[in-house]
Amino acid sequence: MKQQAYRRDHDARRGSAASRGYTSKWRASRDQFLRDNPLCVMHEARGEHAVATVVDHKVAPRLREAREQGDADQVAAAYRLFWDRDNWQPLCKHCHDSVKQRLEKSGRMPGCDVSGMPTDPGHHWNRRG
């Protein structure tokens, strides 16, 4: 019950997909991007392969928030960031929903390589000097 209430509240704050810019134009662009970039970049970075199913914005455009503030310059900047293909990356659902979300919330990349070293370049074990 608590989980359902949390999700309902979260979804209400987040807004609809359309209010965040995810329209039919986005879906068509996303589908083409995934055809052109079929592999998850986070898996590729580890020397692995996984099919990408999500187009992730490297930097979240926060389009809905910009609209709510009513500042035309912020809205224009959010749209530019939203449609900037250099800000897109192909991810598998697992990496998008776990690794990327944790990175956005904590600023750290979870996990380690086969030797046990953390994969986060900012981790203190990976700092030189």
C-alpha atoms as a PDB file:
ATOM      1  CA  MET A   1       0.000   0.000   0.000  1.00  0.00           C
ATOM      2  CA  LYS A   2       2.724   2.502   0.936  1.00  0.00           C
ATOM      3  CA  GLN A   3       4.599   1.766  -2.289  1.00  0.00           C
ATOM      4  CA  GLN A   4       1.471   2.399  -4.377  1.00  0.00           C
ATOM      5  CA  ALA A   5       0.824   5.707  -2.598  1.00  0.00           C
ATOM      6  CA  TYR A   6       4.453   6.739  -3.090  1.00  0.00           C
ATOM      7  CA  ARG A   7       4.309   5.958  -6.819  1.00  0.00           C
ATOM      8  CA  ARG A   8       1.019   7.818  -7.227  1.00  0.00           C
ATOM      9  CA  ASP A   9       2.467  10.909  -5.493  1.00  0.00           C
ATOM     10  CA  HIS A  10       5.697  10.657  -7.498  1.00  0.00           C
ATOM     11  CA  ASP A  11       3.810  10.398 -10.800  1.00  0.00           C
ATOM     12  CA  ALA A  12       1.617  13.389  -9.888  1.00  0.00           C
ATOM     13  CA  ARG A  13       4.704  15.538  -9.174  1.00  0.00           C
ATOM     14  CA  ARG A  14       6.512  14.303 -12.269  1.00  0.00           C
ATOM     15  CA  GLY A  15       3.731  15.102 -14.724  1.00  0.00           C
ATOM     16  CA  SER A  16       2.697  13.253 -17.847  1.00  0.00           C
ATOM     17  CA  ALA A  17       5.114  12.122 -20.522  1.00  0.00           C
ATOM     18  CA  ALA A  18       3.637  14.696 -22.889  1.00  0.00           C
ATOM     19  CA  SER A  19       4.172  17.493 -20.346  1.00  0.00           C
ATOM     20  CA  ARG A  20       7.835  16.483 -20.221  1.00  0.00           C
ATOM     21  CA  GLY A  21       8.160  16.658 -24.030  1.00  0.00           C
ATOM     22  CA  TYR A  22       7.797  12.971 -24.908  1.00  0.00           C
ATOM     23  CA  THR A  23       5.440  13.308 -27.877  1.00  0.00           C
ATOM     24  CA  SER A  24       4.981  11.329 -31.098  1.00  0.00           C
ATOM     25  CA  LYS A  25       7.783  13.437 -32.635  1.00  0.00           C
ATOM     26  CA  TRP A  26      10.057  12.302 -29.768  1.00  0.00           C
ATOM     27  CA  ARG A  27       9.058   8.645 -30.210  1.00  0.00           C
ATOM     28  CA  ALA A  28       9.907   8.752 -33.924  1.00  0.00           C
ATOM     29  CA  SER A  29      13.272  10.419 -33.222  1.00  0.00           C
ATOM     30  CA  ARG A  30      13.979   7.964 -30.408  1.00  0.00           C
ATOM     31  CA  ASP A  31      13.223   4.978 -32.628  1.00  0.00           C
ATOM     32  CA  GLN A  32      15.572   6.253 -35.346  1.00  0.00           C
ATOM     33  CA  PHE A  33      18.314   7.002 -32.798  1.00  0.00           C
ATOM     34  CA  LEU A  34      18.072   3.452 -31.418  1.00  0.00           C
ATOM     35  CA  ARG A  35      18.257   2.000 -34.939  1.00  0.00           C
ATOM     36  CA  ASP A  36      21.432   4.038 -35.510  1.00  0.00           C
ATOM     37  CA  ASN A  37      22.840   3.288 -32.006  1.00  0.00           C
ATOM     38  CA  PRO A  38      21.627  -0.191 -31.015  1.00  0.00           C
ATOM     39  CA  LEU A  39      23.997  -0.942 -28.110  1.00  0.00           C
ATOM     40  CA  CYS A  40      24.028   0.300 -24.505  1.00  0.00           C
ATOM     41  CA  VAL A  41      26.994   2.651 -24.026  1.00  0.00           C
ATOM     42  CA  MET A  42      27.420   1.698 -20.361  1.00  0.00           C
ATOM     43  CA  HIS A  43      27.748  -1.976 -21.237  1.00  0.00           C
ATOM     44  CA  GLU A  44      30.130  -1.141 -24.080  1.00  0.00           C
ATOM     45  CA  ALA A  45      32.316   0.830 -21.659  1.00  0.00           C
ATOM     46  CA  ARG A  46      32.742  -2.406 -19.665  1.00  0.00           C
ATOM     47  CA  GLY A  47      33.529  -4.436 -22.796  1.00  0.00           C
ATOM     48  CA  GLU A  48      30.073  -6.056 -22.732  1.00  0.00           C
ATOM     49  CA  HIS A  49      27.126  -5.939 -25.118  1.00  0.00           C
ATOM     50  CA  ALA A  50      23.474  -5.237 -24.386  1.00  0.00           C
ATOM     51  CA  VAL A  51      20.715  -3.986 -26.638  1.00  0.00           C
ATOM     52  CA  ALA A  52      19.766  -0.358 -26.005  1.00  0.00           C
ATOM     53  CA  THR A  53      16.044   0.218 -25.508  1.00  0.00           C
ATOM     54  CA  VAL A  54      16.113   3.717 -23.965  1.00  0.00           C
ATOM     55  CA  VAL A  55      17.377   7.044 -25.283  1.00  0.00           C
ATOM     56  CA  ASP A  56      18.700   8.813 -22.220  1.00  0.00           C
ATOM     57  CA  HIS A  57      19.368  12.522 -21.911  1.00  0.00           C
ATOM     58  CA  LYS A  58      22.887  12.769 -20.484  1.00  0.00           C
ATOM     59  CA  VAL A  59      21.845  16.082 -18.915  1.00  0.00           C
ATOM     60  CA  ALA A  60      18.160  16.172 -18.007  1.00  0.00           C
ATOM     61  CA  PRO A  61      16.467  19.052 -19.868  1.00  0.00           C
ATOM     62  CA  ARG A  62      13.842  19.651 -17.119  1.00  0.00           C
ATOM     63  CA  LEU A  63      11.359  20.904 -19.699  1.00  0.00           C
ATOM     64  CA  ARG A  64       8.295  20.716 -17.445  1.00  0.00           C
ATOM     65  CA  GLU A  65      10.039  22.669 -14.692  1.00  0.00           C
ATOM     66  CA  ALA A  66      11.143  25.345 -17.177  1.00  0.00           C
ATOM     67  CA  ARG A  67       7.568  25.707 -18.430  1.00  0.00           C
ATOM     68  CA  GLU A  68       6.225  25.987 -14.882  1.00  0.00           C
ATOM     69  CA  GLN A  69       8.638  28.842 -14.131  1.00  0.00           C
ATOM     70  CA  GLY A  70       7.368  30.671 -17.196  1.00  0.00           C
ATOM     71  CA  ASP A  71      10.759  32.034 -18.230  1.00  0.00           C
ATOM     72  CA  ALA A  72      10.873  31.965 -22.039  1.00  0.00           C
ATOM     73  CA  ASP A  73      14.685  31.762 -22.085  1.00  0.00           C
ATOM     74  CA  GLN A  74      14.683  28.750 -19.753  1.00  0.00           C
ATOM     75  CA  VAL A  75      12.006  27.020 -21.832  1.00  0.00           C
ATOM     76  CA  ALA A  76      13.995  27.638 -25.031  1.00  0.00           C
ATOM     77  CA  ALA A  77      17.183  26.326 -23.391  1.00  0.00           C
ATOM     78  CA  ALA A  78      15.346  23.229 -22.127  1.00  0.00           C
ATOM     79  CA  TYR A  79      13.979  22.522 -25.626  1.00  0.00           C
ATOM     80  CA  ARG A  80      17.453  22.909 -27.152  1.00  0.00           C
ATOM     81  CA  LEU A  81      18.868  20.475 -24.592  1.00  0.00           C
ATOM     82  CA  PHE A  82      15.944  18.077 -25.095  1.00  0.00           C
ATOM     83  CA  TRP A  83      16.492  17.871 -28.875  1.00  0.00           C
ATOM     84  CA  ASP A  84      20.309  18.036 -28.852  1.00  0.00           C
ATOM     85  CA  ARG A  85      21.382  14.609 -30.120  1.00  0.00           C
ATOM     86  CA  ASP A  86      24.811  15.147 -28.560  1.00  0.00           C
ATOM     87  CA  ASN A  87      22.943  15.031 -25.240  1.00  0.00           C
ATOM     88  CA  TRP A  88      21.416  11.626 -26.067  1.00  0.00           C
ATOM     89  CA  GLN A  89      22.891   8.237 -25.271  1.00  0.00           C
ATOM     90  CA  PRO A  90      21.570   4.728 -25.912  1.00  0.00           C
ATOM     91  CA  LEU A  91      21.091   2.663 -22.748  1.00  0.00           C
ATOM     92  CA  CYS A  92      19.516  -0.655 -21.863  1.00  0.00           C
ATOM     93  CA  LYS A  93      16.589  -0.396 -19.454  1.00  0.00           C
ATOM     94  CA  HIS A  94      18.623  -1.853 -16.576  1.00  0.00           C
ATOM     95  CA  CYS A  95      21.413   0.734 -16.892  1.00  0.00           C
ATOM     96  CA  HIS A  96      18.919   3.581 -17.313  1.00  0.00           C
ATOM     97  CA  ASP A  97      16.737   2.570 -14.369  1.00  0.00           C
ATOM     98  CA  SER A  98      19.522   1.654 -11.958  1.00  0.00           C
ATOM     99  CA  VAL A  99      23.039   2.829 -12.790  1.00  0.00           C
ATOM    100  CA  LYS A 100      22.070   6.162 -14.401  1.00  0.00           C
ATOM    101  CA  GLN A 101      19.461   6.991 -11.754  1.00  0.00           C
ATOM    102  CA  ARG A 102      21.933   6.316  -8.952  1.00  0.00           C
ATOM    103  CA  LEU A 103      24.545   8.424 -10.708  1.00  0.00           C
ATOM    104  CA  GLU A 104      22.089  11.335 -11.006  1.00  0.00           C
ATOM    105  CA  LYS A 105      20.992  11.088  -7.378  1.00  0.00           C
ATOM    106  CA  SER A 106      24.345  10.473  -5.685  1.00  0.00           C
ATOM    107  CA  GLY A 107      26.886  11.660  -8.228  1.00  0.00           C
ATOM    108  CA  ARG A 108      28.638   8.266  -8.061  1.00  0.00           C
ATOM    109  CA  MET A 109      28.866   5.427 -10.543  1.00  0.00           C
ATOM    110  CA  PRO A 110      28.104   2.106  -8.796  1.00  0.00           C
ATOM    111  CA  GLY A 111      30.010  -1.102  -9.386  1.00  0.00           C
ATOM    112  CA  CYS A 112      33.526  -2.340  -9.866  1.00  0.00           C
ATOM    113  CA  ASP A 113      35.597  -4.006 -12.564  1.00  0.00           C
ATOM    114  CA  VAL A 114      36.811  -7.625 -12.518  1.00  0.00           C
ATOM    115  CA  SER A 115      39.815  -6.669 -10.382  1.00  0.00           C
ATOM    116  CA  GLY A 116      37.572  -5.118  -7.727  1.00  0.00           C
ATOM    117  CA  MET A 117      38.436  -1.499  -8.515  1.00  0.00           C
ATOM    118  CA  PRO A 118      35.457   0.905  -8.477  1.00  0.00           C
ATOM    119  CA  THR A 119      34.244   1.898 -11.951  1.00  0.00           C
ATOM    120  CA  ASP A 120      33.549   5.463 -10.791  1.00  0.00           C
ATOM    121  CA  PRO A 121      36.526   7.568 -11.949  1.00  0.00           C
ATOM    122  CA  GLY A 122      35.817   9.983  -9.096  1.00  0.00           C
ATOM    123  CA  HIS A 123      36.104   7.277  -6.441  1.00  0.00           C
ATOM    124  CA  HIS A 124      39.003   7.971  -4.063  1.00  0.00           C
ATOM    125  CA  TRP A 125      40.653   4.654  -4.945  1.00  0.00           C
ATOM    126  CA  ASN A 126      40.977   5.853  -8.557  1.00  0.00           C
ATOM    127  CA  ARG A 127      42.574   9.194  -7.703  1.00  0.00           C
ATOM    128  CA  ARG A 128      46.257   9.533  -8.367  1.00  0.00           C
ATOM    129  CA  GLY A 129      48.632  11.523  -6.212  1.00  0.00           C
END
